[in-house]
Amino acid sequence: MSVQPSPSLSALTFAPETAADQPSIEALLDRAFGPGRFVKVSERVRETAEFAPELSLCAWADGELAGVDP
């Protein structure tokens, strides 16, 4: 049996992260990891790592942030 993608699914668009994306990124991370996200190791890395714009991408679907690789 093969699974066909739903015609209602939107394609993702990838774009470099910008400063204007920060509120959407924070909201997405809050939804994904919950209130305990600030005690996770990944948050410690985000706090200390140097921002590398060439490595930071946002995935957008229908104008909504669907994923981020900060």
C-alpha atoms as a PDB file:
ATOM      1  CA  MET A   1       0.000   0.000   0.000  1.00  0.00           C
ATOM      2  CA  SER A   2       1.428   3.403  -0.920  1.00  0.00           C
ATOM      3  CA  VAL A   3       0.625   6.533   1.016  1.00  0.00           C
ATOM      4  CA  GLN A   4      -0.242   9.572  -1.053  1.00  0.00           C
ATOM      5  CA  PRO A   5       0.361  13.066   0.296  1.00  0.00           C
ATOM      6  CA  SER A   6      -2.730  14.979   1.206  1.00  0.00           C
ATOM      7  CA  PRO A   7      -3.606  17.625  -1.390  1.00  0.00           C
ATOM      8  CA  SER A   8      -4.317  20.036   1.469  1.00  0.00           C
ATOM      9  CA  LEU A   9      -0.697  19.980   2.677  1.00  0.00           C
ATOM     10  CA  SER A  10       1.267  23.086   1.841  1.00  0.00           C
ATOM     11  CA  ALA A  11       4.783  23.035   0.524  1.00  0.00           C
ATOM     12  CA  LEU A  12       7.436  24.383   2.817  1.00  0.00           C
ATOM     13  CA  THR A  13       9.439  27.439   1.876  1.00  0.00           C
ATOM     14  CA  PHE A  14      12.883  27.809   3.403  1.00  0.00           C
ATOM     15  CA  ALA A  15      14.369  31.229   4.097  1.00  0.00           C
ATOM     16  CA  PRO A  16      17.298  32.559   6.107  1.00  0.00           C
ATOM     17  CA  GLU A  17      16.373  33.575   9.644  1.00  0.00           C
ATOM     18  CA  THR A  18      16.003  37.310  10.204  1.00  0.00           C
ATOM     19  CA  ALA A  19      15.624  39.413  13.334  1.00  0.00           C
ATOM     20  CA  ALA A  20      11.944  39.871  12.451  1.00  0.00           C
ATOM     21  CA  ASP A  21      11.447  36.091  12.784  1.00  0.00           C
ATOM     22  CA  GLN A  22      12.372  36.047  16.497  1.00  0.00           C
ATOM     23  CA  PRO A  23       8.834  36.337  17.928  1.00  0.00           C
ATOM     24  CA  SER A  24       7.614  33.495  15.689  1.00  0.00           C
ATOM     25  CA  ILE A  25      10.654  31.372  16.561  1.00  0.00           C
ATOM     26  CA  GLU A  26      10.166  31.875  20.296  1.00  0.00           C
ATOM     27  CA  ALA A  27       6.465  30.992  20.019  1.00  0.00           C
ATOM     28  CA  LEU A  28       7.258  27.843  18.003  1.00  0.00           C
ATOM     29  CA  LEU A  29       9.919  26.711  20.489  1.00  0.00           C
ATOM     30  CA  ASP A  30       7.517  27.363  23.380  1.00  0.00           C
ATOM     31  CA  ARG A  31       4.854  25.200  21.712  1.00  0.00           C
ATOM     32  CA  ALA A  32       7.325  22.456  20.796  1.00  0.00           C
ATOM     33  CA  PHE A  33       9.229  22.155  24.068  1.00  0.00           C
ATOM     34  CA  GLY A  34       6.900  23.630  26.667  1.00  0.00           C
ATOM     35  CA  PRO A  35       7.782  25.630  29.754  1.00  0.00           C
ATOM     36  CA  GLY A  36      10.686  23.318  30.621  1.00  0.00           C
ATOM     37  CA  ARG A  37      12.574  24.227  27.468  1.00  0.00           C
ATOM     38  CA  PHE A  38      14.830  26.661  29.314  1.00  0.00           C
ATOM     39  CA  VAL A  39      16.411  23.867  31.363  1.00  0.00           C
ATOM     40  CA  LYS A  40      17.319  21.797  28.297  1.00  0.00           C
ATOM     41  CA  VAL A  41      20.886  21.559  27.035  1.00  0.00           C
ATOM     42  CA  SER A  42      19.814  22.959  23.657  1.00  0.00           C
ATOM     43  CA  GLU A  43      18.902  26.249  25.355  1.00  0.00           C
ATOM     44  CA  ARG A  44      22.352  26.455  26.932  1.00  0.00           C
ATOM     45  CA  VAL A  45      23.846  26.063  23.461  1.00  0.00           C
ATOM     46  CA  ARG A  46      21.546  28.743  22.035  1.00  0.00           C
ATOM     47  CA  GLU A  47      22.586  31.133  24.817  1.00  0.00           C
ATOM     48  CA  THR A  48      26.320  30.730  24.219  1.00  0.00           C
ATOM     49  CA  ALA A  49      26.666  29.904  20.526  1.00  0.00           C
ATOM     50  CA  GLU A  50      27.606  32.624  18.083  1.00  0.00           C
ATOM     51  CA  PHE A  51      24.788  33.330  15.631  1.00  0.00           C
ATOM     52  CA  ALA A  52      25.630  31.979  12.173  1.00  0.00           C
ATOM     53  CA  PRO A  53      23.060  33.392   9.740  1.00  0.00           C
ATOM     54  CA  GLU A  54      24.243  31.116   6.941  1.00  0.00           C
ATOM     55  CA  LEU A  55      23.220  28.115   9.092  1.00  0.00           C
ATOM     56  CA  SER A  56      19.948  29.456  10.504  1.00  0.00           C
ATOM     57  CA  LEU A  57      16.895  28.669   8.419  1.00  0.00           C
ATOM     58  CA  CYS A  58      13.158  29.041   8.892  1.00  0.00           C
ATOM     59  CA  ALA A  59      10.615  26.756   7.249  1.00  0.00           C
ATOM     60  CA  TRP A  60       7.350  28.500   6.352  1.00  0.00           C
ATOM     61  CA  ALA A  61       3.992  27.031   5.309  1.00  0.00           C
ATOM     62  CA  ASP A  62       1.155  29.346   4.347  1.00  0.00           C
ATOM     63  CA  GLY A  63       2.792  32.276   6.152  1.00  0.00           C
ATOM     64  CA  GLU A  64       3.178  30.317   9.412  1.00  0.00           C
ATOM     65  CA  LEU A  65       6.509  29.253  10.858  1.00  0.00           C
ATOM     66  CA  ALA A  66       6.587  25.454  10.652  1.00  0.00           C
ATOM     67  CA  GLY A  67      10.179  24.793  11.669  1.00  0.00           C
ATOM     68  CA  VAL A  68      13.450  26.439  12.542  1.00  0.00           C
ATOM     69  CA  ASP A  69      17.086  25.468  12.668  1.00  0.00           C
ATOM     70  CA  PRO A  70      18.571  28.190  14.835  1.00  0.00           C
END
